Amino acid sequence: VAMIAVAFADEGVELRRDGIRIPILGLNPEKESFEQMIEYQLEPEIYNYITINTFNNAVLAAGQCDYPIHLKLDTGMHRSGFMPDETDAVIDAIKGATGLKIKTIFSHLATADDLTQDEYTLYQLSTFDKMSSAIMDQMGYPIKRHILNSAGIERFADKYQYDMVRLGIGL
């Protein structure tokens, strides 16, 4: 296990207090928890422009820089993340956020568990590859990628494993 993901900052804080030292990704960062996330070295999912700006301000106020973030792309789940037509704007926003550094870029597959929806899953995988590649090409430092959930690991790992996978419900 290279990283743990938690839903909320307080779960990550509890893990840190229990001695967990590997990276912890916070999937639902809220402005009210930013100071605590920084104090306990929790790494936020960044999925909109407001979060880029407010988290960057919190990082700078804490006197830190190159704080690791995880950039969420919406490739078709339509729950959260930056849309394909926002790729250039996201690049500009992250470059302007001087306290932040992208550690991973990720998305989530909506229908990887449904064989009848493989065309849509392949569309998502292709969209992710294009978006993440464009972002990585502009950042000038290495960034890891991950998109495969439990069903994706079972069905698409041969070509789309990238740097990490997320085993959730499969546990």
C-alpha atoms as a PDB file:
ATOM      1  CA  VAL A   1       0.000   0.000   0.000  1.00  0.00           C
ATOM      2  CA  ALA A   2       1.577   3.244  -1.160  1.00  0.00           C
ATOM      3  CA  MET A   3      -1.253   5.549  -0.137  1.00  0.00           C
ATOM      4  CA  ILE A   4      -4.525   5.548   1.767  1.00  0.00           C
ATOM      5  CA  ALA A   5      -7.598   7.533   0.776  1.00  0.00           C
ATOM      6  CA  VAL A   6     -10.110   8.832   3.304  1.00  0.00           C
ATOM      7  CA  ALA A   7     -13.425  10.553   2.807  1.00  0.00           C
ATOM      8  CA  PHE A   8     -12.898  13.346   5.346  1.00  0.00           C
ATOM      9  CA  ALA A   9      -9.984  15.107   7.034  1.00  0.00           C
ATOM     10  CA  ASP A  10     -10.899  13.892  10.530  1.00  0.00           C
ATOM     11  CA  GLU A  11     -10.430  10.286   9.357  1.00  0.00           C
ATOM     12  CA  GLY A  12      -6.947  11.163   8.106  1.00  0.00           C
ATOM     13  CA  VAL A  13      -6.105  12.926  11.363  1.00  0.00           C
ATOM     14  CA  GLU A  14      -7.119   9.818  13.296  1.00  0.00           C
ATOM     15  CA  LEU A  15      -4.847   7.671  11.116  1.00  0.00           C
ATOM     16  CA  ARG A  16      -1.927  10.071  11.661  1.00  0.00           C
ATOM     17  CA  ARG A  17      -2.507  10.008  15.423  1.00  0.00           C
ATOM     18  CA  ASP A  18      -2.439   6.208  15.252  1.00  0.00           C
ATOM     19  CA  GLY A  19       1.001   6.322  13.637  1.00  0.00           C
ATOM     20  CA  ILE A  20       0.208   5.952   9.933  1.00  0.00           C
ATOM     21  CA  ARG A  21       2.960   7.766   8.010  1.00  0.00           C
ATOM     22  CA  ILE A  22       2.286   6.899   4.358  1.00  0.00           C
ATOM     23  CA  PRO A  23       0.551   9.539   2.226  1.00  0.00           C
ATOM     24  CA  ILE A  24      -3.131  10.070   2.959  1.00  0.00           C
ATOM     25  CA  LEU A  25      -5.391  11.431   0.224  1.00  0.00           C
ATOM     26  CA  GLY A  26      -8.399  13.405   1.464  1.00  0.00           C
ATOM     27  CA  LEU A  27     -11.254  12.983  -1.008  1.00  0.00           C
ATOM     28  CA  ASN A  28     -13.621  15.649   0.308  1.00  0.00           C
ATOM     29  CA  PRO A  29     -11.526  18.624   1.390  1.00  0.00           C
ATOM     30  CA  GLU A  30     -13.492  21.454   2.958  1.00  0.00           C
ATOM     31  CA  LYS A  31     -12.219  24.958   3.552  1.00  0.00           C
ATOM     32  CA  GLU A  32     -12.808  24.543   7.295  1.00  0.00           C
ATOM     33  CA  SER A  33     -10.395  21.594   7.378  1.00  0.00           C
ATOM     34  CA  PHE A  34      -7.522  23.056   5.340  1.00  0.00           C
ATOM     35  CA  GLU A  35      -5.387  24.098   8.325  1.00  0.00           C
ATOM     36  CA  GLN A  36      -5.842  20.676   9.896  1.00  0.00           C
ATOM     37  CA  MET A  37      -5.017  18.948   6.606  1.00  0.00           C
ATOM     38  CA  ILE A  38      -1.781  20.907   6.363  1.00  0.00           C
ATOM     39  CA  GLU A  39      -0.905  20.316  10.029  1.00  0.00           C
ATOM     40  CA  TYR A  40      -1.335  16.541   9.625  1.00  0.00           C
ATOM     41  CA  GLN A  41       0.115  16.386   6.111  1.00  0.00           C
ATOM     42  CA  LEU A  42      -3.074  15.187   4.444  1.00  0.00           C
ATOM     43  CA  GLU A  43      -3.098  15.559   0.673  1.00  0.00           C
ATOM     44  CA  PRO A  44      -6.322  16.958  -0.811  1.00  0.00           C
ATOM     45  CA  GLU A  45      -8.247  16.001  -3.898  1.00  0.00           C
ATOM     46  CA  ILE A  46      -8.537  19.187  -5.957  1.00  0.00           C
ATOM     47  CA  TYR A  47     -11.575  19.176  -8.219  1.00  0.00           C
ATOM     48  CA  ASN A  48     -12.556  22.836  -8.793  1.00  0.00           C
ATOM     49  CA  TYR A  49     -11.022  26.297  -9.142  1.00  0.00           C
ATOM     50  CA  ILE A  50     -12.259  27.541  -5.751  1.00  0.00           C
ATOM     51  CA  THR A  51     -10.415  24.714  -4.019  1.00  0.00           C
ATOM     52  CA  ILE A  52      -7.235  25.438  -5.994  1.00  0.00           C
ATOM     53  CA  ASN A  53      -7.264  29.043  -4.814  1.00  0.00           C
ATOM     54  CA  THR A  54      -8.386  28.592  -1.229  1.00  0.00           C
ATOM     55  CA  PHE A  55      -6.107  25.628  -0.532  1.00  0.00           C
ATOM     56  CA  ASN A  56      -3.164  27.423  -2.153  1.00  0.00           C
ATOM     57  CA  ASN A  57      -3.830  30.435   0.109  1.00  0.00           C
ATOM     58  CA  ALA A  58      -3.901  28.154   3.173  1.00  0.00           C
ATOM     59  CA  VAL A  59      -0.619  26.510   2.152  1.00  0.00           C
ATOM     60  CA  LEU A  60       1.086  29.862   1.629  1.00  0.00           C
ATOM     61  CA  ALA A  61      -0.293  31.177   4.943  1.00  0.00           C
ATOM     62  CA  ALA A  62       1.259  28.119   6.632  1.00  0.00           C
ATOM     63  CA  GLY A  63       4.605  29.019   5.090  1.00  0.00           C
ATOM     64  CA  GLN A  64       4.768  25.939   2.894  1.00  0.00           C
ATOM     65  CA  CYS A  65       5.332  25.359  -0.786  1.00  0.00           C
ATOM     66  CA  ASP A  66       5.149  22.461  -3.239  1.00  0.00           C
ATOM     67  CA  TYR A  67       2.315  20.995  -1.165  1.00  0.00           C
ATOM     68  CA  PRO A  68       1.168  17.717  -2.776  1.00  0.00           C
ATOM     69  CA  ILE A  69      -2.297  17.713  -4.294  1.00  0.00           C
ATOM     70  CA  HIS A  70      -4.269  15.175  -6.295  1.00  0.00           C
ATOM     71  CA  LEU A  71      -6.011  16.604  -9.351  1.00  0.00           C
ATOM     72  CA  LYS A  72      -9.417  15.055 -10.129  1.00  0.00           C
ATOM     73  CA  LEU A  73     -10.598  14.962 -13.747  1.00  0.00           C
ATOM     74  CA  ASP A  74     -14.192  14.324 -14.755  1.00  0.00           C
ATOM     75  CA  THR A  75     -13.964  11.923 -17.668  1.00  0.00           C
ATOM     76  CA  GLY A  76     -17.592  10.857 -17.504  1.00  0.00           C
ATOM     77  CA  MET A  77     -18.610   9.976 -13.949  1.00  0.00           C
ATOM     78  CA  HIS A  78     -20.125  13.474 -13.622  1.00  0.00           C
ATOM     79  CA  ARG A  79     -19.669  13.640  -9.879  1.00  0.00           C
ATOM     80  CA  SER A  80     -16.733  16.018  -9.513  1.00  0.00           C
ATOM     81  CA  GLY A  81     -13.587  17.068 -11.306  1.00  0.00           C
ATOM     82  CA  PHE A  82     -12.366  19.232 -14.130  1.00  0.00           C
ATOM     83  CA  MET A  83     -14.046  18.727 -17.486  1.00  0.00           C
ATOM     84  CA  PRO A  84     -12.134  18.032 -20.721  1.00  0.00           C
ATOM     85  CA  ASP A  85     -12.751  21.533 -22.071  1.00  0.00           C
ATOM     86  CA  GLU A  86     -11.126  22.987 -18.932  1.00  0.00           C
ATOM     87  CA  THR A  87      -7.723  21.353 -19.427  1.00  0.00           C
ATOM     88  CA  ASP A  88      -5.888  24.524 -20.503  1.00  0.00           C
ATOM     89  CA  ALA A  89      -7.521  26.602 -17.762  1.00  0.00           C
ATOM     90  CA  VAL A  90      -6.581  23.995 -15.134  1.00  0.00           C
ATOM     91  CA  ILE A  91      -2.973  24.096 -16.297  1.00  0.00           C
ATOM     92  CA  ASP A  92      -2.938  27.889 -15.947  1.00  0.00           C
ATOM     93  CA  ALA A  93      -4.628  27.780 -12.529  1.00  0.00           C
ATOM     94  CA  ILE A  94      -2.178  25.226 -11.125  1.00  0.00           C
ATOM     95  CA  LYS A  95       0.818  27.081 -12.535  1.00  0.00           C
ATOM     96  CA  GLY A  96      -0.494  30.215 -10.806  1.00  0.00           C
ATOM     97  CA  ALA A  97      -0.958  28.403  -7.487  1.00  0.00           C
ATOM     98  CA  THR A  98       2.631  28.749  -6.339  1.00  0.00           C
ATOM     99  CA  GLY A  99       2.187  26.717  -3.158  1.00  0.00           C
ATOM    100  CA  LEU A 100       0.843  23.587  -4.845  1.00  0.00           C
ATOM    101  CA  LYS A 101       2.407  20.706  -6.735  1.00  0.00           C
ATOM    102  CA  ILE A 102       0.405  17.983  -8.463  1.00  0.00           C
ATOM    103  CA  LYS A 103       1.343  14.581  -7.054  1.00  0.00           C
ATOM    104  CA  THR A 104      -1.251  12.555  -8.949  1.00  0.00           C
ATOM    105  CA  ILE A 105      -3.903  13.050 -11.589  1.00  0.00           C
ATOM    106  CA  PHE A 106      -6.888  10.752 -11.374  1.00  0.00           C
ATOM    107  CA  SER A 107     -10.431  10.057 -12.444  1.00  0.00           C
ATOM    108  CA  HIS A 108     -13.050   7.431 -11.691  1.00  0.00           C
ATOM    109  CA  LEU A 109     -14.673   4.922 -14.022  1.00  0.00           C
ATOM    110  CA  ALA A 110     -18.455   5.041 -13.969  1.00  0.00           C
ATOM    111  CA  THR A 111     -19.293   1.672 -15.536  1.00  0.00           C
ATOM    112  CA  ALA A 112     -16.178  -0.539 -15.509  1.00  0.00           C
ATOM    113  CA  ASP A 113     -18.159  -3.319 -13.830  1.00  0.00           C
ATOM    114  CA  ASP A 114     -20.733  -3.482 -16.671  1.00  0.00           C
ATOM    115  CA  LEU A 115     -19.606  -5.425 -19.760  1.00  0.00           C
ATOM    116  CA  THR A 116     -22.348  -3.801 -21.827  1.00  0.00           C
ATOM    117  CA  GLN A 117     -20.801  -0.369 -21.132  1.00  0.00           C
ATOM    118  CA  ASP A 118     -17.261  -1.099 -22.307  1.00  0.00           C
ATOM    119  CA  GLU A 119     -17.521   1.502 -25.072  1.00  0.00           C
ATOM    120  CA  TYR A 120     -18.210   4.187 -22.476  1.00  0.00           C
ATOM    121  CA  THR A 121     -15.412   2.932 -20.207  1.00  0.00           C
ATOM    122  CA  LEU A 122     -12.978   3.033 -23.130  1.00  0.00           C
ATOM    123  CA  TYR A 123     -14.170   6.583 -23.894  1.00  0.00           C
ATOM    124  CA  GLN A 124     -13.396   7.543 -20.284  1.00  0.00           C
ATOM    125  CA  LEU A 125      -9.964   5.916 -20.440  1.00  0.00           C
ATOM    126  CA  SER A 126      -9.132   7.726 -23.685  1.00  0.00           C
ATOM    127  CA  THR A 127     -10.343  11.051 -22.298  1.00  0.00           C
ATOM    128  CA  PHE A 128      -8.272  10.567 -19.157  1.00  0.00           C
ATOM    129  CA  ASP A 129      -5.167   9.751 -21.174  1.00  0.00           C
ATOM    130  CA  LYS A 130      -5.539  12.895 -23.318  1.00  0.00           C
ATOM    131  CA  MET A 131      -6.295  15.233 -20.411  1.00  0.00           C
ATOM    132  CA  SER A 132      -3.661  13.898 -18.036  1.00  0.00           C
ATOM    133  CA  SER A 133      -0.991  13.797 -20.744  1.00  0.00           C
ATOM    134  CA  ALA A 134      -1.674  17.437 -21.668  1.00  0.00           C
ATOM    135  CA  ILE A 135      -1.376  18.498 -18.028  1.00  0.00           C
ATOM    136  CA  MET A 136       1.777  16.466 -17.427  1.00  0.00           C
ATOM    137  CA  ASP A 137       3.403  17.903 -20.561  1.00  0.00           C
ATOM    138  CA  GLN A 138       2.998  21.426 -19.165  1.00  0.00           C
ATOM    139  CA  MET A 139       4.028  20.946 -15.543  1.00  0.00           C
ATOM    140  CA  GLY A 140       7.723  20.147 -15.932  1.00  0.00           C
ATOM    141  CA  TYR A 141       7.924  17.566 -13.138  1.00  0.00           C
ATOM    142  CA  PRO A 142       6.854  13.923 -12.759  1.00  0.00           C
ATOM    143  CA  ILE A 143       3.213  13.256 -11.901  1.00  0.00           C
ATOM    144  CA  LYS A 144       1.642   9.871 -11.233  1.00  0.00           C
ATOM    145  CA  ARG A 145      -1.698   8.838 -12.742  1.00  0.00           C
ATOM    146  CA  HIS A 146      -4.466   6.507 -11.624  1.00  0.00           C
ATOM    147  CA  ILE A 147      -7.947   5.744 -12.899  1.00  0.00           C
ATOM    148  CA  LEU A 148      -8.622   2.062 -12.234  1.00  0.00           C
ATOM    149  CA  ASN A 149     -11.064   1.205  -9.461  1.00  0.00           C
ATOM    150  CA  SER A 150     -11.702  -2.371  -8.320  1.00  0.00           C
ATOM    151  CA  ALA A 151     -13.702  -3.346 -11.427  1.00  0.00           C
ATOM    152  CA  GLY A 152     -11.209  -1.562 -13.644  1.00  0.00           C
ATOM    153  CA  ILE A 153      -8.329  -3.487 -12.082  1.00  0.00           C
ATOM    154  CA  GLU A 154     -10.050  -6.771 -12.926  1.00  0.00           C
ATOM    155  CA  ARG A 155     -10.881  -5.792 -16.500  1.00  0.00           C
ATOM    156  CA  PHE A 156      -8.481  -3.142 -17.817  1.00  0.00           C
ATOM    157  CA  ALA A 157      -5.177  -3.421 -15.914  1.00  0.00           C
ATOM    158  CA  ASP A 158      -3.269  -4.765 -18.926  1.00  0.00           C
ATOM    159  CA  LYS A 159      -3.296  -1.366 -20.656  1.00  0.00           C
ATOM    160  CA  TYR A 160      -4.544   1.264 -18.205  1.00  0.00           C
ATOM    161  CA  GLN A 161      -2.828   0.554 -14.891  1.00  0.00           C
ATOM    162  CA  TYR A 162      -0.665   3.679 -15.189  1.00  0.00           C
ATOM    163  CA  ASP A 163       1.274   4.289 -11.954  1.00  0.00           C
ATOM    164  CA  MET A 164      -1.278   3.260  -9.324  1.00  0.00           C
ATOM    165  CA  VAL A 165      -4.640   1.550  -8.910  1.00  0.00           C
ATOM    166  CA  ARG A 166      -7.333   2.032  -6.289  1.00  0.00           C
ATOM    167  CA  LEU A 167      -8.655  -1.098  -4.660  1.00  0.00           C
ATOM    168  CA  GLY A 168     -11.739  -0.009  -2.746  1.00  0.00           C
ATOM    169  CA  ILE A 169     -14.842  -2.156  -2.852  1.00  0.00           C
ATOM    170  CA  GLY A 170     -12.610  -5.032  -3.999  1.00  0.00           C
ATOM    171  CA  LEU A 171     -11.179  -5.211  -0.496  1.00  0.00           C
END
